[in-house]
Structures are given as C-alpha cells and as structure tokens.
Amino acid sequence: MVEILKNLAPEQVTAVLIALGIVREARLLIKSILDYKLELRKLAPQEVKDEAI
C-alpha cells in the first residue's frame, strides 16, 4: 500500500487519507454504538429484549 501511495499525485494522496480517516471514524462510531447496546443488554436484559434494536 505504501508503494501505491508513493505513486499517487499529492491531491490523490490527500483524498485517500481523508477517505481513510472517515472510514476509521465511522468504524469507531459503530463500535461505540454496539458497545452501548451491549451494555444496555447487560443492565436490563428483559427490557431490551422487548424493544426492537
């Protein structure tokens, strides 16, 4: 991947880095949402089962 980035123009490298940053942030957001839902299930398993998550 490093060699691919070295062959790109600076504008293209910037676009790739921005896209990678957005993907990383999205993954962290999804992880925090899933962790929150898991914590809810641990705290109140019956109430959460009744809801559609």
PDB file of N, CA and C in Angstrom:
ATOM      1  N   MET A   1       0.827  -1.187   0.000  1.00  0.00           N
ATOM      2  CA  MET A   1       0.000   0.000   0.000  1.00  0.00           C
ATOM      3  C   MET A   1       0.872   1.251   0.000  1.00  0.00           C
ATOM      4  N   VAL A   2       2.006   1.190   0.661  1.00  0.00           N
ATOM      5  CA  VAL A   2       2.897   2.343   0.710  1.00  0.00           C
ATOM      6  C   VAL A   2       3.392   2.694  -0.692  1.00  0.00           C
ATOM      7  N   GLU A   3       3.717   1.689  -1.483  1.00  0.00           N
ATOM      8  CA  GLU A   3       4.193   1.953  -2.839  1.00  0.00           C
ATOM      9  C   GLU A   3       3.096   2.560  -3.705  1.00  0.00           C
ATOM     10  N   ILE A   4       1.865   2.149  -3.493  1.00  0.00           N
ATOM     11  CA  ILE A   4       0.742   2.731  -4.238  1.00  0.00           C
ATOM     12  C   ILE A   4       0.625   4.204  -3.889  1.00  0.00           C
ATOM     13  N   LEU A   5       0.720   4.532  -2.595  1.00  0.00           N
ATOM     14  CA  LEU A   5       0.612   5.927  -2.171  1.00  0.00           C
ATOM     15  C   LEU A   5       1.761   6.775  -2.706  1.00  0.00           C
ATOM     16  N   LYS A   6       2.945   6.184  -2.799  1.00  0.00           N
ATOM     17  CA  LYS A   6       4.092   6.933  -3.320  1.00  0.00           C
ATOM     18  C   LYS A   6       3.903   7.296  -4.784  1.00  0.00           C
ATOM     19  N   ASN A   7       3.173   6.489  -5.524  1.00  0.00           N
ATOM     20  CA  ASN A   7       2.975   6.738  -6.948  1.00  0.00           C
ATOM     21  C   ASN A   7       1.822   7.695  -7.247  1.00  0.00           C
ATOM     22  N   LEU A   8       1.066   8.083  -6.240  1.00  0.00           N
ATOM     23  CA  LEU A   8      -0.066   8.988  -6.450  1.00  0.00           C
ATOM     24  C   LEU A   8       0.385  10.440  -6.406  1.00  0.00           C
ATOM     25  N   ALA A   9      -0.398  11.282  -7.074  1.00  0.00           N
ATOM     26  CA  ALA A   9      -0.163  12.728  -7.007  1.00  0.00           C
ATOM     27  C   ALA A   9      -0.566  13.215  -5.614  1.00  0.00           C
ATOM     28  N   PRO A  10      -0.011  14.352  -5.176  1.00  0.00           N
ATOM     29  CA  PRO A  10      -0.344  14.861  -3.831  1.00  0.00           C
ATOM     30  C   PRO A  10      -1.847  15.040  -3.591  1.00  0.00           C
ATOM     31  N   GLU A  11      -2.577  15.475  -4.615  1.00  0.00           N
ATOM     32  CA  GLU A  11      -4.023  15.662  -4.456  1.00  0.00           C
ATOM     33  C   GLU A  11      -4.715  14.318  -4.225  1.00  0.00           C
ATOM     34  N   GLN A  12      -4.233  13.297  -4.913  1.00  0.00           N
ATOM     35  CA  GLN A  12      -4.822  11.970  -4.758  1.00  0.00           C
ATOM     36  C   GLN A  12      -4.501  11.387  -3.390  1.00  0.00           C
ATOM     37  N   VAL A  13      -3.290  11.636  -2.923  1.00  0.00           N
ATOM     38  CA  VAL A  13      -2.905  11.151  -1.591  1.00  0.00           C
ATOM     39  C   VAL A  13      -3.790  11.805  -0.537  1.00  0.00           C
ATOM     40  N   THR A  14      -4.042  13.084  -0.698  1.00  0.00           N
ATOM     41  CA  THR A  14      -4.899  13.803   0.240  1.00  0.00           C
ATOM     42  C   THR A  14      -6.290  13.187   0.261  1.00  0.00           C
ATOM     43  N   ALA A  15      -6.840  12.902  -0.896  1.00  0.00           N
ATOM     44  CA  ALA A  15      -8.168  12.300  -0.969  1.00  0.00           C
ATOM     45  C   ALA A  15      -8.196  10.923  -0.314  1.00  0.00           C
ATOM     46  N   VAL A  16      -7.167  10.137  -0.527  1.00  0.00           N
ATOM     47  CA  VAL A  16      -7.093   8.799   0.071  1.00  0.00           C
ATOM     48  C   VAL A  16      -7.013   8.906   1.589  1.00  0.00           C
ATOM     49  N   LEU A  17      -6.195   9.813   2.090  1.00  0.00           N
ATOM     50  CA  LEU A  17      -6.055   9.958   3.539  1.00  0.00           C
ATOM     51  C   LEU A  17      -7.341  10.454   4.189  1.00  0.00           C
ATOM     52  N   ILE A  18      -8.039  11.356   3.519  1.00  0.00           N
ATOM     53  CA  ILE A  18      -9.328  11.824   4.040  1.00  0.00           C
ATOM     54  C   ILE A  18     -10.323  10.675   4.077  1.00  0.00           C
ATOM     55  N   ALA A  19     -10.375   9.884   3.006  1.00  0.00           N
ATOM     56  CA  ALA A  19     -11.298   8.749   2.960  1.00  0.00           C
ATOM     57  C   ALA A  19     -10.973   7.736   4.056  1.00  0.00           C
ATOM     58  N   LEU A  20      -9.693   7.456   4.261  1.00  0.00           N
ATOM     59  CA  LEU A  20      -9.304   6.518   5.323  1.00  0.00           C
ATOM     60  C   LEU A  20      -9.685   7.054   6.700  1.00  0.00           C
ATOM     61  N   GLY A  21      -9.543   8.341   6.896  1.00  0.00           N
ATOM     62  CA  GLY A  21      -9.923   8.951   8.165  1.00  0.00           C
ATOM     63  C   GLY A  21     -11.420   8.851   8.413  1.00  0.00           C
ATOM     64  N   ILE A  22     -12.211   9.072   7.379  1.00  0.00           N
ATOM     65  CA  ILE A  22     -13.664   8.973   7.512  1.00  0.00           C
ATOM     66  C   ILE A  22     -14.078   7.539   7.822  1.00  0.00           C
ATOM     67  N   VAL A  23     -13.462   6.585   7.141  1.00  0.00           N
ATOM     68  CA  VAL A  23     -13.766   5.175   7.398  1.00  0.00           C
ATOM     69  C   VAL A  23     -13.410   4.808   8.836  1.00  0.00           C
ATOM     70  N   ARG A  24     -12.274   5.285   9.291  1.00  0.00           N
ATOM     71  CA  ARG A  24     -11.853   4.979  10.667  1.00  0.00           C
ATOM     72  C   ARG A  24     -12.835   5.565  11.678  1.00  0.00           C
ATOM     73  N   GLU A  25     -13.253   6.793  11.471  1.00  0.00           N
ATOM     74  CA  GLU A  25     -14.204   7.420  12.383  1.00  0.00           C
ATOM     75  C   GLU A  25     -15.540   6.683  12.370  1.00  0.00           C
ATOM     76  N   ALA A  26     -15.972   6.246  11.202  1.00  0.00           N
ATOM     77  CA  ALA A  26     -17.231   5.505  11.113  1.00  0.00           C
ATOM     78  C   ALA A  26     -17.135   4.190  11.880  1.00  0.00           C
ATOM     79  N   ARG A  27     -16.002   3.506  11.766  1.00  0.00           N
ATOM     80  CA  ARG A  27     -15.818   2.253  12.493  1.00  0.00           C
ATOM     81  C   ARG A  27     -15.842   2.494  14.004  1.00  0.00           C
ATOM     82  N   LEU A  28     -15.215   3.565  14.463  1.00  0.00           N
ATOM     83  CA  LEU A  28     -15.215   3.879  15.891  1.00  0.00           C
ATOM     84  C   LEU A  28     -16.621   4.219  16.381  1.00  0.00           C
ATOM     85  N   LEU A  29     -17.382   4.930  15.565  1.00  0.00           N
ATOM     86  CA  LEU A  29     -18.747   5.282  15.930  1.00  0.00           C
ATOM     87  C   LEU A  29     -19.607   4.026  16.028  1.00  0.00           C
ATOM     88  N   ILE A  30     -19.498   3.146  15.053  1.00  0.00           N
ATOM     89  CA  ILE A  30     -20.263   1.908  15.072  1.00  0.00           C
ATOM     90  C   ILE A  30     -19.878   1.060  16.281  1.00  0.00           C
ATOM     91  N   LYS A  31     -18.582   1.009  16.580  1.00  0.00           N
ATOM     92  CA  LYS A  31     -18.121   0.239  17.738  1.00  0.00           C
ATOM     93  C   LYS A  31     -18.707   0.804  19.027  1.00  0.00           C
ATOM     94  N   SER A  32     -18.737   2.119  19.160  1.00  0.00           N
ATOM     95  CA  SER A  32     -19.279   2.707  20.385  1.00  0.00           C
ATOM     96  C   SER A  32     -20.782   2.459  20.493  1.00  0.00           C
ATOM     97  N   ILE A  33     -21.498   2.472  19.380  1.00  0.00           N
ATOM     98  CA  ILE A  33     -22.926   2.185  19.396  1.00  0.00           C
ATOM     99  C   ILE A  33     -23.164   0.736  19.819  1.00  0.00           C
ATOM    100  N   LEU A  34     -22.393  -0.184  19.240  1.00  0.00           N
ATOM    101  CA  LEU A  34     -22.548  -1.595  19.600  1.00  0.00           C
ATOM    102  C   LEU A  34     -22.183  -1.846  21.058  1.00  0.00           C
ATOM    103  N   ASP A  35     -21.152  -1.183  21.552  1.00  0.00           N
ATOM    104  CA  ASP A  35     -20.782  -1.309  22.964  1.00  0.00           C
ATOM    105  C   ASP A  35     -21.905  -0.798  23.866  1.00  0.00           C
ATOM    106  N   TYR A  36     -22.534   0.298  23.475  1.00  0.00           N
ATOM    107  CA  TYR A  36     -23.636   0.871  24.241  1.00  0.00           C
ATOM    108  C   TYR A  36     -24.814  -0.109  24.285  1.00  0.00           C
ATOM    109  N   LYS A  37     -25.151  -0.694  23.136  1.00  0.00           N
ATOM    110  CA  LYS A  37     -26.250  -1.655  23.095  1.00  0.00           C
ATOM    111  C   LYS A  37     -25.935  -2.896  23.921  1.00  0.00           C
ATOM    112  N   LEU A  38     -24.696  -3.343  23.891  1.00  0.00           N
ATOM    113  CA  LEU A  38     -24.296  -4.489  24.691  1.00  0.00           C
ATOM    114  C   LEU A  38     -24.417  -4.167  26.177  1.00  0.00           C
ATOM    115  N   GLU A  39     -24.018  -2.976  26.565  1.00  0.00           N
ATOM    116  CA  GLU A  39     -24.120  -2.564  27.963  1.00  0.00           C
ATOM    117  C   GLU A  39     -25.586  -2.500  28.395  1.00  0.00           C
ATOM    118  N   LEU A  40     -26.457  -2.013  27.512  1.00  0.00           N
ATOM    119  CA  LEU A  40     -27.886  -1.982  27.833  1.00  0.00           C
ATOM    120  C   LEU A  40     -28.427  -3.391  28.072  1.00  0.00           C
ATOM    121  N   ARG A  41     -27.997  -4.330  27.253  1.00  0.00           N
ATOM    122  CA  ARG A  41     -28.457  -5.715  27.414  1.00  0.00           C
ATOM    123  C   ARG A  41     -27.971  -6.301  28.735  1.00  0.00           C
ATOM    124  N   LYS A  42     -26.788  -5.939  29.165  1.00  0.00           N
ATOM    125  CA  LYS A  42     -26.267  -6.446  30.432  1.00  0.00           C
ATOM    126  C   LYS A  42     -27.029  -5.858  31.612  1.00  0.00           C
ATOM    127  N   LEU A  43     -27.397  -4.570  31.507  1.00  0.00           N
ATOM    128  CA  LEU A  43     -28.056  -3.898  32.625  1.00  0.00           C
ATOM    129  C   LEU A  43     -29.524  -4.280  32.752  1.00  0.00           C
ATOM    130  N   ALA A  44     -30.221  -4.390  31.638  1.00  0.00           N
ATOM    131  CA  ALA A  44     -31.653  -4.677  31.675  1.00  0.00           C
ATOM    132  C   ALA A  44     -32.007  -5.656  30.559  1.00  0.00           C
ATOM    133  N   PRO A  45     -31.680  -6.919  30.715  1.00  0.00           N
ATOM    134  CA  PRO A  45     -31.884  -7.867  29.621  1.00  0.00           C
ATOM    135  C   PRO A  45     -33.344  -8.025  29.209  1.00  0.00           C
ATOM    136  N   GLN A  46     -34.275  -8.018  30.149  1.00  0.00           N
ATOM    137  CA  GLN A  46     -35.681  -8.221  29.802  1.00  0.00           C
ATOM    138  C   GLN A  46     -36.248  -7.032  29.040  1.00  0.00           C
ATOM    139  N   GLU A  47     -35.942  -5.816  29.476  1.00  0.00           N
ATOM    140  CA  GLU A  47     -36.479  -4.630  28.833  1.00  0.00           C
ATOM    141  C   GLU A  47     -35.962  -4.486  27.410  1.00  0.00           C
ATOM    142  N   VAL A  48     -34.709  -4.788  27.196  1.00  0.00           N
ATOM    143  CA  VAL A  48     -34.111  -4.644  25.876  1.00  0.00           C
ATOM    144  C   VAL A  48     -34.663  -5.687  24.914  1.00  0.00           C
ATOM    145  N   LYS A  49     -34.947  -6.901  25.409  1.00  0.00           N
ATOM    146  CA  LYS A  49     -35.495  -7.937  24.558  1.00  0.00           C
ATOM    147  C   LYS A  49     -36.860  -7.538  24.024  1.00  0.00           C
ATOM    148  N   ASP A  50     -37.608  -6.777  24.799  1.00  0.00           N
ATOM    149  CA  ASP A  50     -38.930  -6.349  24.360  1.00  0.00           C
ATOM    150  C   ASP A  50     -38.858  -5.306  23.257  1.00  0.00           C
ATOM    151  N   GLU A  51     -37.782  -4.523  23.223  1.00  0.00           N
ATOM    152  CA  GLU A  51     -37.602  -3.496  22.203  1.00  0.00           C
ATOM    153  C   GLU A  51     -36.994  -4.097  20.950  1.00  0.00           C
ATOM    154  N   ALA A  52     -37.227  -3.421  19.839  1.00  0.00           N
ATOM    155  CA  ALA A  52     -36.532  -3.812  18.602  1.00  0.00           C
ATOM    156  C   ALA A  52     -35.290  -2.958  18.478  1.00  0.00           C
ATOM    157  N   ILE A  53     -34.126  -3.593  18.579  1.00  0.00           N
ATOM    158  CA  ILE A  53     -32.868  -2.846  18.474  1.00  0.00           C
ATOM    159  C   ILE A  53     -32.321  -3.031  17.092  1.00  0.00           C
TER     160      ILE A  53
END
